[in-house]
C-alpha atoms as a PDB file:
ATOM      1  CA  MET A   1    -108.030   8.574 -28.498  1.00  0.00           C
ATOM      2  CA  SER A   2    -105.852   6.471 -30.784  1.00  0.00           C
ATOM      3  CA  SER A   3    -104.134   3.556 -30.092  1.00  0.00           C
ATOM      4  CA  ILE A   4    -100.803   5.305 -30.895  1.00  0.00           C
ATOM      5  CA  ASP A   5    -101.725   8.131 -28.200  1.00  0.00           C
ATOM      6  CA  ASP A   6    -102.920   5.288 -25.921  1.00  0.00           C
ATOM      7  CA  ARG A   7     -99.041   3.967 -26.275  1.00  0.00           C
ATOM      8  CA  ALA A   8     -97.624   6.973 -26.042  1.00  0.00           C
ATOM      9  CA  ASP A   9     -99.639   8.073 -22.535  1.00  0.00           C
ATOM     10  CA  GLU A  10     -98.518   4.814 -21.198  1.00  0.00           C
ATOM     11  CA  ILE A  11     -94.857   4.825 -22.262  1.00  0.00           C
ATOM     12  CA  GLY A  12     -94.886   8.114 -20.429  1.00  0.00           C
ATOM     13  CA  MET A  13     -96.549   6.660 -17.402  1.00  0.00           C
ATOM     14  CA  ARG A  14     -94.148   3.853 -17.197  1.00  0.00           C
ATOM     15  CA  ALA A  15     -91.125   6.302 -17.935  1.00  0.00           C
ATOM     16  CA  ALA A  16     -92.443   8.969 -15.033  1.00  0.00           C
ATOM     17  CA  GLU A  17     -92.927   6.254 -12.810  1.00  0.00           C
ATOM     18  CA  TRP A  18     -89.023   4.880 -13.052  1.00  0.00           C
ATOM     19  CA  VAL A  19     -87.948   8.444 -12.648  1.00  0.00           C
ATOM     20  CA  ALA A  20     -89.819   9.094  -9.795  1.00  0.00           C
ATOM     21  CA  ARG A  21     -88.626   5.444  -8.371  1.00  0.00           C
ATOM     22  CA  LEU A  22     -85.063   6.235  -8.958  1.00  0.00           C
ATOM     23  CA  ASP A  23     -85.331   9.043  -6.803  1.00  0.00           C
ATOM     24  CA  GLY A  24     -86.291   7.364  -3.689  1.00  0.00           C
ATOM     25  CA  SER A  25     -84.140   3.946  -2.321  1.00  0.00           C
ATOM     26  CA  PRO A  26     -81.982   2.324  -4.559  1.00  0.00           C
ATOM     27  CA  LEU A  27     -83.377  -0.374  -7.074  1.00  0.00           C
ATOM     28  CA  SER A  28     -83.026  -3.832  -6.121  1.00  0.00           C
ATOM     29  CA  GLU A  29     -81.123  -6.025  -8.551  1.00  0.00           C
ATOM     30  CA  GLU A  30     -84.449  -7.224  -9.793  1.00  0.00           C
ATOM     31  CA  GLU A  31     -85.531  -3.753 -10.244  1.00  0.00           C
ATOM     32  CA  GLN A  32     -82.400  -2.620 -11.987  1.00  0.00           C
ATOM     33  CA  ARG A  33     -82.576  -5.795 -14.641  1.00  0.00           C
ATOM     34  CA  ALA A  34     -86.161  -4.598 -15.517  1.00  0.00           C
ATOM     35  CA  LEU A  35     -85.530  -1.233 -15.615  1.00  0.00           C
ATOM     36  CA  ARG A  36     -82.632  -2.254 -18.351  1.00  0.00           C
ATOM     37  CA  SER A  37     -84.869  -4.349 -20.289  1.00  0.00           C
ATOM     38  CA  TRP A  38     -87.661  -2.047 -20.653  1.00  0.00           C
ATOM     39  CA  LEU A  39     -85.443   1.102 -21.830  1.00  0.00           C
ATOM     40  CA  GLU A  40     -83.763  -1.526 -24.364  1.00  0.00           C
ATOM     41  CA  GLU A  41     -87.010  -2.713 -25.615  1.00  0.00           C
ATOM     42  CA  ALA A  42     -87.877   0.257 -27.772  1.00  0.00           C
ATOM     43  CA  PRO A  43     -86.459   3.886 -28.780  1.00  0.00           C
ATOM     44  CA  ASP A  44     -89.455   5.654 -27.650  1.00  0.00           C
ATOM     45  CA  HIS A  45     -88.735   3.972 -23.780  1.00  0.00           C
ATOM     46  CA  ARG A  46     -85.142   5.926 -23.740  1.00  0.00           C
ATOM     47  CA  ALA A  47     -86.785   8.874 -25.256  1.00  0.00           C
ATOM     48  CA  ALA A  48     -89.492   9.085 -22.618  1.00  0.00           C
ATOM     49  CA  PHE A  49     -87.346   8.089 -19.511  1.00  0.00           C
ATOM     50  CA  GLU A  50     -85.094  11.207 -20.569  1.00  0.00           C
ATOM     51  CA  GLU A  51     -87.706  13.365 -21.153  1.00  0.00           C
ATOM     52  CA  ALA A  52     -89.313  12.554 -18.046  1.00  0.00           C
ATOM     53  CA  GLY A  53     -85.824  12.552 -16.473  1.00  0.00           C
ATOM     54  CA  ALA A  54     -84.950  16.336 -17.618  1.00  0.00           C
ATOM     55  CA  THR A  55     -88.594  17.603 -16.097  1.00  0.00           C
ATOM     56  CA  TRP A  56     -88.135  15.938 -12.819  1.00  0.00           C
ATOM     57  CA  ARG A  57     -84.694  17.991 -12.546  1.00  0.00           C
ATOM     58  CA  GLU A  58     -86.299  20.888 -13.613  1.00  0.00           C
ATOM     59  CA  LEU A  59     -88.977  20.348 -10.710  1.00  0.00           C
ATOM     60  CA  SER A  60     -85.920  19.830  -8.289  1.00  0.00           C
ATOM     61  CA  LEU A  61     -84.321  22.732  -9.250  1.00  0.00           C
ATOM     62  CA  LEU A  62     -87.104  25.141  -8.778  1.00  0.00           C
ATOM     63  CA  ARG A  63     -87.814  23.420  -5.624  1.00  0.00           C
ATOM     64  CA  HIS A  64     -84.599  23.921  -3.711  1.00  0.00           C
ATOM     65  CA  ASP A  65     -82.672  26.399  -5.831  1.00  0.00           C
ATOM     66  CA  PRO A  66     -84.357  29.371  -8.195  1.00  0.00           C
ATOM     67  CA  GLY A  67     -81.756  30.919  -8.554  1.00  0.00           C
ATOM     68  CA  PRO A  68     -80.668  30.337 -12.071  1.00  0.00           C
ATOM     69  CA  LEU A  69     -84.073  31.559 -13.390  1.00  0.00           C
ATOM     70  CA  ARG A  70     -83.275  35.144 -11.800  1.00  0.00           C
ATOM     71  CA  GLY A  71     -81.166  36.264 -14.819  1.00  0.00           C
ATOM     72  CA  LEU A  72     -84.237  36.044 -17.194  1.00  0.00           C
ATOM     73  CA  SER A  73     -86.079  39.398 -18.559  1.00  0.00           C
ATOM     74  CA  ARG A  74     -88.882  39.897 -16.101  1.00  0.00           C
ATOM     75  CA  THR A  75     -91.517  38.922 -19.637  1.00  0.00           C
ATOM     76  CA  ARG A  76     -89.598  35.820 -20.351  1.00  0.00           C
ATOM     77  CA  ARG A  77     -89.038  34.720 -16.844  1.00  0.00           C
ATOM     78  CA  LYS A  78     -92.776  35.090 -16.324  1.00  0.00           C
ATOM     79  CA  SER A  79     -93.382  33.312 -19.205  1.00  0.00           C
ATOM     80  CA  SER A  80     -90.763  30.553 -18.962  1.00  0.00           C
ATOM     81  CA  VAL A  81     -92.131  30.063 -15.251  1.00  0.00           C
ATOM     82  CA  ALA A  82     -95.604  29.547 -16.599  1.00  0.00           C
ATOM     83  CA  GLN A  83     -94.738  26.942 -19.175  1.00  0.00           C
ATOM     84  CA  ARG A  84     -92.586  25.268 -16.511  1.00  0.00           C
ATOM     85  CA  ALA A  85     -95.544  25.328 -14.037  1.00  0.00           C
ATOM     86  CA  VAL A  86     -97.790  23.701 -16.704  1.00  0.00           C
ATOM     87  CA  ARG A  87     -95.170  20.817 -17.089  1.00  0.00           C
ATOM     88  CA  ILE A  88     -94.609  20.230 -13.466  1.00  0.00           C
ATOM     89  CA  GLY A  89     -97.816  20.836 -12.415  1.00  0.00           C
ATOM     90  CA  ALA A  90     -98.994  18.112 -15.022  1.00  0.00           C
ATOM     91  CA  LEU A  91     -95.677  15.855 -13.835  1.00  0.00           C
ATOM     92  CA  LEU A  92     -96.594  16.512 -10.095  1.00  0.00           C
ATOM     93  CA  GLY A  93    -100.300  15.317 -11.072  1.00  0.00           C
ATOM     94  CA  LEU A  94     -99.048  12.316 -12.807  1.00  0.00           C
ATOM     95  CA  LEU A  95     -96.732  11.511 -10.101  1.00  0.00           C
ATOM     96  CA  ALA A  96     -99.061  12.049  -7.227  1.00  0.00           C
ATOM     97  CA  LEU A  97    -101.897   9.998  -8.874  1.00  0.00           C
ATOM     98  CA  GLY A  98    -100.107   7.751 -11.367  1.00  0.00           C
ATOM     99  CA  ALA A  99     -99.106   4.983  -8.837  1.00  0.00           C
ATOM    100  CA  GLY A 100    -102.742   5.046  -7.468  1.00  0.00           C
ATOM    101  CA  ILE A 101    -104.711   4.648 -10.824  1.00  0.00           C
ATOM    102  CA  ALA A 102    -102.065   2.507 -12.453  1.00  0.00           C
ATOM    103  CA  ARG A 103    -102.372   0.415  -9.447  1.00  0.00           C
ATOM    104  CA  TYR A 104    -106.176   0.694  -9.717  1.00  0.00           C
ATOM    105  CA  GLN A 105    -106.327  -0.228 -13.334  1.00  0.00           C
ATOM    106  CA  PHE A 106    -103.308  -2.673 -13.687  1.00  0.00           C
ATOM    107  CA  GLY A 107    -102.356  -4.189 -10.400  1.00  0.00           C
ATOM    108  CA  ASP A 108     -98.762  -3.947  -8.744  1.00  0.00           C
ATOM    109  CA  LEU A 109     -96.836  -1.970 -11.269  1.00  0.00           C
ATOM    110  CA  TRP A 110     -93.580  -3.875 -10.336  1.00  0.00           C
ATOM    111  CA  LEU A 111     -94.822  -7.135 -10.672  1.00  0.00           C
ATOM    112  CA  LEU A 112     -95.848  -5.950 -14.384  1.00  0.00           C
ATOM    113  CA  ALA A 113     -92.253  -5.102 -14.814  1.00  0.00           C
ATOM    114  CA  THR A 114     -90.555  -8.367 -13.438  1.00  0.00           C
ATOM    115  CA  ALA A 115     -93.208 -11.203 -14.196  1.00  0.00           C
ATOM    116  CA  ASP A 116     -93.146 -13.461 -16.988  1.00  0.00           C
ATOM    117  CA  TYR A 117     -97.022 -14.001 -16.485  1.00  0.00           C
ATOM    118  CA  ARG A 118     -99.220 -11.937 -14.811  1.00  0.00           C
ATOM    119  CA  THR A 119    -103.009 -10.804 -14.240  1.00  0.00           C
ATOM    120  CA  SER A 120    -104.777  -7.577 -13.340  1.00  0.00           C
ATOM    121  CA  PRO A 121    -107.199  -7.381 -10.177  1.00  0.00           C
ATOM    122  CA  GLY A 122    -110.178  -9.221 -11.430  1.00  0.00           C
ATOM    123  CA  GLU A 123    -108.599 -11.455 -14.339  1.00  0.00           C
ATOM    124  CA  LEU A 124    -108.421 -15.585 -14.503  1.00  0.00           C
ATOM    125  CA  ARG A 125    -105.592 -16.457 -16.965  1.00  0.00           C
ATOM    126  CA  THR A 126    -104.308 -20.119 -17.672  1.00  0.00           C
ATOM    127  CA  VAL A 127    -101.054 -20.420 -19.238  1.00  0.00           C
ATOM    128  CA  THR A 128     -99.000 -23.766 -20.279  1.00  0.00           C
ATOM    129  CA  LEU A 129     -95.607 -23.847 -19.348  1.00  0.00           C
ATOM    130  CA  THR A 130     -93.029 -25.450 -22.410  1.00  0.00           C
ATOM    131  CA  ASP A 131     -93.093 -29.104 -20.156  1.00  0.00           C
ATOM    132  CA  GLY A 132     -96.673 -29.165 -20.356  1.00  0.00           C
ATOM    133  CA  SER A 133     -97.777 -28.401 -17.018  1.00  0.00           C
ATOM    134  CA  SER A 134    -100.638 -25.803 -16.684  1.00  0.00           C
ATOM    135  CA  VAL A 135    -100.919 -22.868 -14.286  1.00  0.00           C
ATOM    136  CA  GLU A 136    -103.896 -21.224 -13.584  1.00  0.00           C
ATOM    137  CA  LEU A 137    -103.513 -17.233 -11.907  1.00  0.00           C
ATOM    138  CA  GLY A 138    -106.147 -15.883  -9.972  1.00  0.00           C
ATOM    139  CA  PRO A 139    -106.753 -11.918  -9.964  1.00  0.00           C
ATOM    140  CA  ALA A 140    -103.877  -9.390  -9.416  1.00  0.00           C
ATOM    141  CA  SER A 141    -101.321 -12.913  -9.421  1.00  0.00           C
ATOM    142  CA  ALA A 142     -97.468 -13.226 -11.032  1.00  0.00           C
ATOM    143  CA  ILE A 143     -95.057 -15.798 -11.594  1.00  0.00           C
ATOM    144  CA  VAL A 144     -91.730 -15.848 -12.957  1.00  0.00           C
ATOM    145  CA  VAL A 145     -90.767 -19.279 -14.981  1.00  0.00           C
ATOM    146  CA  ASP A 146     -87.007 -20.528 -14.167  1.00  0.00           C
ATOM    147  CA  PHE A 147     -86.420 -23.996 -16.104  1.00  0.00           C
ATOM    148  CA  ASP A 148     -82.822 -25.021 -16.337  1.00  0.00           C
ATOM    149  CA  ASP A 149     -81.369 -28.449 -16.802  1.00  0.00           C
ATOM    150  CA  LYS A 150     -81.541 -29.551 -12.876  1.00  0.00           C
ATOM    151  CA  GLU A 151     -85.478 -28.526 -12.066  1.00  0.00           C
ATOM    152  CA  ARG A 152     -88.151 -26.902 -13.533  1.00  0.00           C
ATOM    153  CA  ARG A 153     -88.605 -23.984 -11.068  1.00  0.00           C
ATOM    154  CA  VAL A 154     -91.440 -21.295 -10.880  1.00  0.00           C
ATOM    155  CA  LYS A 155     -91.143 -18.262  -8.681  1.00  0.00           C
ATOM    156  CA  PHE A 156     -94.678 -17.295  -7.381  1.00  0.00           C
ATOM    157  CA  LEU A 157     -94.731 -13.556  -6.964  1.00  0.00           C
ATOM    158  CA  ALA A 158     -97.904 -12.383  -5.308  1.00  0.00           C
ATOM    159  CA  GLY A 159    -101.987 -13.527  -5.645  1.00  0.00           C
ATOM    160  CA  GLU A 160    -103.485 -17.068  -6.050  1.00  0.00           C
ATOM    161  CA  VAL A 161    -102.273 -20.050  -8.627  1.00  0.00           C
ATOM    162  CA  PHE A 162    -103.430 -23.159  -9.286  1.00  0.00           C
ATOM    163  CA  PHE A 163    -100.692 -25.302 -10.768  1.00  0.00           C
ATOM    164  CA  SER A 164    -100.897 -28.692 -12.322  1.00  0.00           C
ATOM    165  CA  ALA A 165     -97.476 -30.163 -12.725  1.00  0.00           C
ATOM    166  CA  MET A 166     -96.788 -32.618 -15.322  1.00  0.00           C
ATOM    167  CA  PRO A 167     -95.052 -35.568 -13.319  1.00  0.00           C
ATOM    168  CA  ARG A 168     -91.695 -36.831 -13.684  1.00  0.00           C
ATOM    169  CA  THR A 169     -91.094 -39.431 -16.335  1.00  0.00           C
ATOM    170  CA  ASP A 170     -88.255 -41.122 -17.489  1.00  0.00           C
ATOM    171  CA  ARG A 171     -88.092 -38.491 -20.560  1.00  0.00           C
ATOM    172  CA  GLU A 172     -88.975 -35.717 -17.939  1.00  0.00           C
ATOM    173  CA  PRO A 173     -86.678 -36.168 -14.591  1.00  0.00           C
ATOM    174  CA  ARG A 174     -86.429 -32.676 -13.539  1.00  0.00           C
ATOM    175  CA  PRO A 175     -88.623 -31.980 -10.144  1.00  0.00           C
ATOM    176  CA  PHE A 176     -91.181 -29.261 -10.549  1.00  0.00           C
ATOM    177  CA  VAL A 177     -90.580 -26.748  -7.655  1.00  0.00           C
ATOM    178  CA  VAL A 178     -92.137 -23.258  -6.715  1.00  0.00           C
ATOM    179  CA  GLU A 179     -90.503 -20.638  -4.919  1.00  0.00           C
ATOM    180  CA  ALA A 180     -92.830 -18.691  -2.406  1.00  0.00           C
ATOM    181  CA  ALA A 181     -91.862 -16.182   0.136  1.00  0.00           C
ATOM    182  CA  GLY A 182     -88.672 -17.725   1.041  1.00  0.00           C
ATOM    183  CA  GLY A 183     -89.911 -21.326   0.887  1.00  0.00           C
ATOM    184  CA  THR A 184     -90.236 -24.224  -1.691  1.00  0.00           C
ATOM    185  CA  THR A 185     -92.999 -26.515  -2.576  1.00  0.00           C
ATOM    186  CA  THR A 186     -91.799 -29.787  -4.980  1.00  0.00           C
ATOM    187  CA  ALA A 187     -94.997 -31.694  -6.761  1.00  0.00           C
ATOM    188  CA  LEU A 188     -94.630 -35.313  -5.534  1.00  0.00           C
ATOM    189  CA  GLY A 189     -98.018 -35.589  -7.529  1.00  0.00           C
ATOM    190  CA  THR A 190     -99.561 -33.078  -9.811  1.00  0.00           C
ATOM    191  CA  GLN A 191    -101.869 -30.493  -8.240  1.00  0.00           C
ATOM    192  CA  PHE A 192    -101.420 -27.730  -5.696  1.00  0.00           C
ATOM    193  CA  VAL A 193    -102.438 -24.220  -4.850  1.00  0.00           C
ATOM    194  CA  ILE A 194    -100.138 -21.419  -3.402  1.00  0.00           C
ATOM    195  CA  GLU A 195    -101.973 -18.309  -2.084  1.00  0.00           C
ATOM    196  CA  GLU A 196    -100.221 -15.295  -0.770  1.00  0.00           C
ATOM    197  CA  ALA A 197    -100.469 -14.841   2.923  1.00  0.00           C
ATOM    198  CA  GLY A 198     -99.231 -11.502   3.947  1.00  0.00           C
ATOM    199  CA  SER A 199     -95.220 -12.134   3.904  1.00  0.00           C
ATOM    200  CA  GLY A 200     -95.643 -15.461   3.905  1.00  0.00           C
ATOM    201  CA  ALA A 201     -97.803 -18.359   1.881  1.00  0.00           C
ATOM    202  CA  ASP A 202    -100.888 -20.971   2.110  1.00  0.00           C
ATOM    203  CA  VAL A 203     -99.811 -23.930   0.223  1.00  0.00           C
ATOM    204  CA  LEU A 204    -102.763 -26.624  -0.416  1.00  0.00           C
ATOM    205  CA  ALA A 205    -102.433 -29.955  -1.815  1.00  0.00           C
ATOM    206  CA  ILE A 206    -105.003 -30.860  -4.339  1.00  0.00           C
ATOM    207  CA  GLU A 207    -104.078 -34.192  -6.077  1.00  0.00           C
ATOM    208  CA  HIS A 208    -101.438 -36.480  -4.741  1.00  0.00           C
ATOM    209  CA  GLN A 209     -98.812 -35.055  -2.847  1.00  0.00           C
ATOM    210  CA  VAL A 210     -96.161 -31.868  -2.672  1.00  0.00           C
ATOM    211  CA  ASN A 211     -93.493 -31.485  -0.052  1.00  0.00           C
ATOM    212  CA  VAL A 212     -93.205 -28.002   1.575  1.00  0.00           C
ATOM    213  CA  ALA A 213     -89.705 -26.783   2.853  1.00  0.00           C
ATOM    214  CA  LEU A 214     -88.563 -23.419   4.630  1.00  0.00           C
ATOM    215  CA  GLN A 215     -85.161 -22.604   5.285  1.00  0.00           C
ATOM    216  CA  ARG A 216     -84.933 -20.544   8.499  1.00  0.00           C
ATOM    217  CA  ASN A 217     -82.218 -19.596  11.226  1.00  0.00           C
ATOM    218  CA  GLY A 218     -79.858 -21.953   9.337  1.00  0.00           C
ATOM    219  CA  GLU A 219     -82.580 -25.087  10.446  1.00  0.00           C
ATOM    220  CA  ARG A 220     -84.721 -26.807   7.377  1.00  0.00           C
ATOM    221  CA  GLN A 221     -88.442 -27.005   8.208  1.00  0.00           C
ATOM    222  CA  GLY A 222     -90.416 -29.457   6.166  1.00  0.00           C
ATOM    223  CA  VAL A 223     -93.644 -31.109   5.695  1.00  0.00           C
ATOM    224  CA  VAL A 224     -95.469 -33.420   3.206  1.00  0.00           C
ATOM    225  CA  LEU A 225     -98.995 -32.378   2.503  1.00  0.00           C
ATOM    226  CA  SER A 226    -101.975 -34.778   1.397  1.00  0.00           C
ATOM    227  CA  PRO A 227    -105.121 -33.908  -0.553  1.00  0.00           C
ATOM    228  CA  GLY A 228    -106.824 -31.513   1.544  1.00  0.00           C
ATOM    229  CA  GLU A 229    -104.333 -30.735   3.809  1.00  0.00           C
ATOM    230  CA  GLU A 230    -103.266 -27.026   3.935  1.00  0.00           C
ATOM    231  CA  VAL A 231    -100.102 -25.290   5.933  1.00  0.00           C
ATOM    232  CA  ARG A 232     -98.875 -21.425   6.040  1.00  0.00           C
ATOM    233  CA  TYR A 233     -95.460 -20.708   6.631  1.00  0.00           C
ATOM    234  CA  THR A 234     -93.634 -17.136   7.167  1.00  0.00           C
ATOM    235  CA  PRO A 235     -90.099 -16.306   6.966  1.00  0.00           C
ATOM    236  CA  GLU A 236     -90.827 -14.592  10.267  1.00  0.00           C
ATOM    237  CA  ARG A 237     -92.497 -17.927  12.503  1.00  0.00           C
ATOM    238  CA  GLY A 238     -91.447 -20.437  10.046  1.00  0.00           C
ATOM    239  CA  MET A 239     -93.747 -23.463   9.140  1.00  0.00           C
ATOM    240  CA  GLY A 240     -97.354 -23.493  10.837  1.00  0.00           C
ATOM    241  CA  ARG A 241     -99.579 -26.414  11.757  1.00  0.00           C
ATOM    242  CA  VAL A 242    -100.874 -28.752   8.788  1.00  0.00           C
ATOM    243  CA  ARG A 243    -104.750 -28.466   8.741  1.00  0.00           C
ATOM    244  CA  SER A 244    -107.261 -29.660   6.793  1.00  0.00           C
ATOM    245  CA  ARG A 245    -109.552 -27.495   4.140  1.00  0.00           C
ATOM    246  CA  ASP A 246    -112.054 -28.341   2.040  1.00  0.00           C
ATOM    247  CA  VAL A 247    -110.723 -28.479  -1.607  1.00  0.00           C
ATOM    248  CA  GLU A 248    -114.075 -27.441  -3.349  1.00  0.00           C
ATOM    249  CA  THR A 249    -114.380 -24.241  -1.122  1.00  0.00           C
ATOM    250  CA  ALA A 250    -110.881 -23.349  -1.297  1.00  0.00           C
ATOM    251  CA  THR A 251    -110.495 -23.290  -5.469  1.00  0.00           C
ATOM    252  CA  ALA A 252    -114.170 -22.039  -5.806  1.00  0.00           C
ATOM    253  CA  TRP A 253    -112.403 -18.784  -7.212  1.00  0.00           C
ATOM    254  CA  ARG A 254    -111.842 -21.144 -10.454  1.00  0.00           C
ATOM    255  CA  ARG A 255    -115.546 -21.276 -11.083  1.00  0.00           C
ATOM    256  CA  GLY A 256    -116.512 -17.680  -9.811  1.00  0.00           C
ATOM    257  CA  MET A 257    -117.009 -17.715  -6.248  1.00  0.00           C
ATOM    258  CA  LEU A 258    -115.679 -16.915  -3.287  1.00  0.00           C
ATOM    259  CA  VAL A 259    -116.353 -18.574  -0.275  1.00  0.00           C
ATOM    260  CA  PHE A 260    -115.425 -17.338   3.370  1.00  0.00           C
ATOM    261  CA  ASN A 261    -116.521 -19.573   6.422  1.00  0.00           C
ATOM    262  CA  GLY A 262    -115.401 -17.790  10.050  1.00  0.00           C
ATOM    263  CA  THR A 263    -112.383 -16.359   8.011  1.00  0.00           C
ATOM    264  CA  PRO A 264    -110.191 -13.580   9.634  1.00  0.00           C
ATOM    265  CA  LEU A 265    -111.386 -10.155   8.204  1.00  0.00           C
ATOM    266  CA  ARG A 266    -107.569  -9.512   6.917  1.00  0.00           C
ATOM    267  CA  HIS A 267    -107.955 -12.372   4.423  1.00  0.00           C
ATOM    268  CA  VAL A 268    -111.076 -11.521   3.181  1.00  0.00           C
ATOM    269  CA  VAL A 269    -109.740  -8.027   2.550  1.00  0.00           C
ATOM    270  CA  GLU A 270    -106.697  -9.438   0.881  1.00  0.00           C
ATOM    271  CA  THR A 271    -108.460 -11.729  -1.129  1.00  0.00           C
ATOM    272  CA  LEU A 272    -111.326  -9.017  -2.337  1.00  0.00           C
ATOM    273  CA  ASN A 273    -108.388  -6.446  -3.249  1.00  0.00           C
ATOM    274  CA  ARG A 274    -107.086  -8.985  -5.909  1.00  0.00           C
ATOM    275  CA  TYR A 275    -110.713  -9.137  -7.350  1.00  0.00           C
ATOM    276  CA  ARG A 276    -111.786  -5.464  -7.585  1.00  0.00           C
ATOM    277  CA  ARG A 277    -109.776  -2.465  -8.694  1.00  0.00           C
ATOM    278  CA  GLY A 278    -109.365   0.334  -5.803  1.00  0.00           C
ATOM    279  CA  ARG A 279    -108.356  -0.770  -2.328  1.00  0.00           C
ATOM    280  CA  ILE A 280    -110.205  -2.138   0.616  1.00  0.00           C
ATOM    281  CA  VAL A 281    -107.891  -0.872   3.749  1.00  0.00           C
ATOM    282  CA  ILE A 282    -108.560  -1.688   7.772  1.00  0.00           C
ATOM    283  CA  LEU A 283    -107.619   0.698  10.223  1.00  0.00           C
ATOM    284  CA  ASP A 284    -107.879  -1.097  12.991  1.00  0.00           C
ATOM    285  CA  GLU A 285    -105.578  -4.354  13.745  1.00  0.00           C
ATOM    286  CA  THR A 286    -108.482  -5.765  16.264  1.00  0.00           C
ATOM    287  CA  LEU A 287    -110.816  -5.002  13.345  1.00  0.00           C
ATOM    288  CA  ALA A 288    -108.374  -7.261  11.180  1.00  0.00           C
ATOM    289  CA  ARG A 289    -108.838 -10.382  13.068  1.00  0.00           C
ATOM    290  CA  ARG A 290    -112.415 -10.688  13.621  1.00  0.00           C
ATOM    291  CA  ARG A 291    -114.162 -13.586  11.709  1.00  0.00           C
ATOM    292  CA  VAL A 292    -116.228 -13.109   8.274  1.00  0.00           C
ATOM    293  CA  SER A 293    -118.621 -15.566   6.190  1.00  0.00           C
ATOM    294  CA  GLY A 294    -120.254 -15.102   3.345  1.00  0.00           C
ATOM    295  CA  VAL A 295    -120.589 -16.430  -0.406  1.00  0.00           C
ATOM    296  CA  PHE A 296    -119.602 -13.926  -3.252  1.00  0.00           C
ATOM    297  CA  ALA A 297    -119.813 -14.431  -6.871  1.00  0.00           C
ATOM    298  CA  THR A 298    -116.160 -12.723  -8.216  1.00  0.00           C
ATOM    299  CA  ASP A 299    -118.002 -10.958 -11.204  1.00  0.00           C
ATOM    300  CA  ASP A 300    -120.664  -9.281  -9.127  1.00  0.00           C
ATOM    301  CA  LEU A 301    -119.156  -8.051  -5.877  1.00  0.00           C
ATOM    302  CA  GLY A 302    -120.638  -5.135  -5.155  1.00  0.00           C
ATOM    303  CA  ASP A 303    -122.677  -5.742  -2.182  1.00  0.00           C
ATOM    304  CA  ALA A 304    -119.501  -7.585  -0.478  1.00  0.00           C
ATOM    305  CA  ILE A 305    -118.577  -4.338   1.592  1.00  0.00           C
ATOM    306  CA  GLU A 306    -121.978  -4.064   2.560  1.00  0.00           C
ATOM    307  CA  THR A 307    -122.468  -7.390   3.667  1.00  0.00           C
ATOM    308  CA  MET A 308    -119.381  -7.254   6.064  1.00  0.00           C
ATOM    309  CA  THR A 309    -119.912  -4.288   7.381  1.00  0.00           C
ATOM    310  CA  ALA A 310    -123.791  -5.449   8.359  1.00  0.00           C
ATOM    311  CA  GLU A 311    -122.256  -8.751   9.591  1.00  0.00           C
ATOM    312  CA  LEU A 312    -119.365  -7.333  11.929  1.00  0.00           C
ATOM    313  CA  GLY A 313    -121.374  -3.840  12.617  1.00  0.00           C
ATOM    314  CA  ILE A 314    -118.502  -1.656  11.669  1.00  0.00           C
ATOM    315  CA  SER A 315    -118.360   1.369   9.269  1.00  0.00           C
ATOM    316  CA  ALA A 316    -117.014   2.061   5.847  1.00  0.00           C
ATOM    317  CA  ARG A 317    -115.732   5.375   3.616  1.00  0.00           C
ATOM    318  CA  SER A 318    -114.815   5.233   0.221  1.00  0.00           C
ATOM    319  CA  ILE A 319    -112.788   7.724  -1.994  1.00  0.00           C
ATOM    320  CA  TYR A 320    -114.634   6.259  -4.970  1.00  0.00           C
ATOM    321  CA  PRO A 321    -113.221   4.250  -7.216  1.00  0.00           C
ATOM    322  CA  LEU A 322    -109.718   4.229  -5.322  1.00  0.00           C
ATOM    323  CA  ILE A 323    -110.121   3.462  -1.640  1.00  0.00           C
ATOM    324  CA  THR A 324    -112.375   1.885   0.572  1.00  0.00           C
ATOM    325  CA  VAL A 325    -111.496   2.288   4.481  1.00  0.00           C
ATOM    326  CA  LEU A 326    -113.256  -0.501   7.026  1.00  0.00           C
ATOM    327  CA  TYR A 327    -113.537   1.066  10.703  1.00  0.00           C
END
């Protein structure tokens, strides 16, 4: 298939996703901006969007009110319905499988639409920001850069990111702030890591100190972390306790390794899902809390599930390559 065909298929897929999304719950302001931006990027985008919308409306018509089709002659009606059936069948297949296949291939599609910098599952990427700060994105990670005259703000959207912030100087007085899961991390030094943790975030200081703050129920909660100290916070539970963590182990992913030492299975699965295409799902909450130890090379995770199931004495079933269920 030519690159032109690949691009047309990609545009058609994105258009169908937006149309299906619009038929569900209302778009957030961020999603509305992302849609407008995508439509304005190229005439092909708007044309594909309108075609997908027309096909979606035809599908709705056939499902809920076939009356307008009854006036057609029998021959024409059979031909028209057959043609529509082909189109509708293709769209249904696209919409039913598209989200899963696209997530398998590219990661979270909404993050792809809103992020300034992002990575696909299994991909690592390093970017240099306009102030000279370096940002290393782990797999399936995404950020938005929002620098202004008062501060250098980065919005953490997903995954795991290693920040090497340029320090404040007379020439660069703006603080470096990362917004994540309703909280903020301000660099008092240079290096730190933020990792997605369910609805919250884990923050680990690597070099110098960072100030982690969270506004919850009208009260500000905050803590200053020194190198090797980590804290988890969530909007629901607030700021957790500060704990020590081995920096080399925690950042082994930068060297192509994943190290788990008595780690809850839930966190192990969240991490593995960023490094492999397809999803691992845990059926049981009690199982999700069980702890796992192991060392895995990120470029060869084929035996990770087998190792976990053997260690925990559990079973796994897969619908290759989309989903693996642990139970």
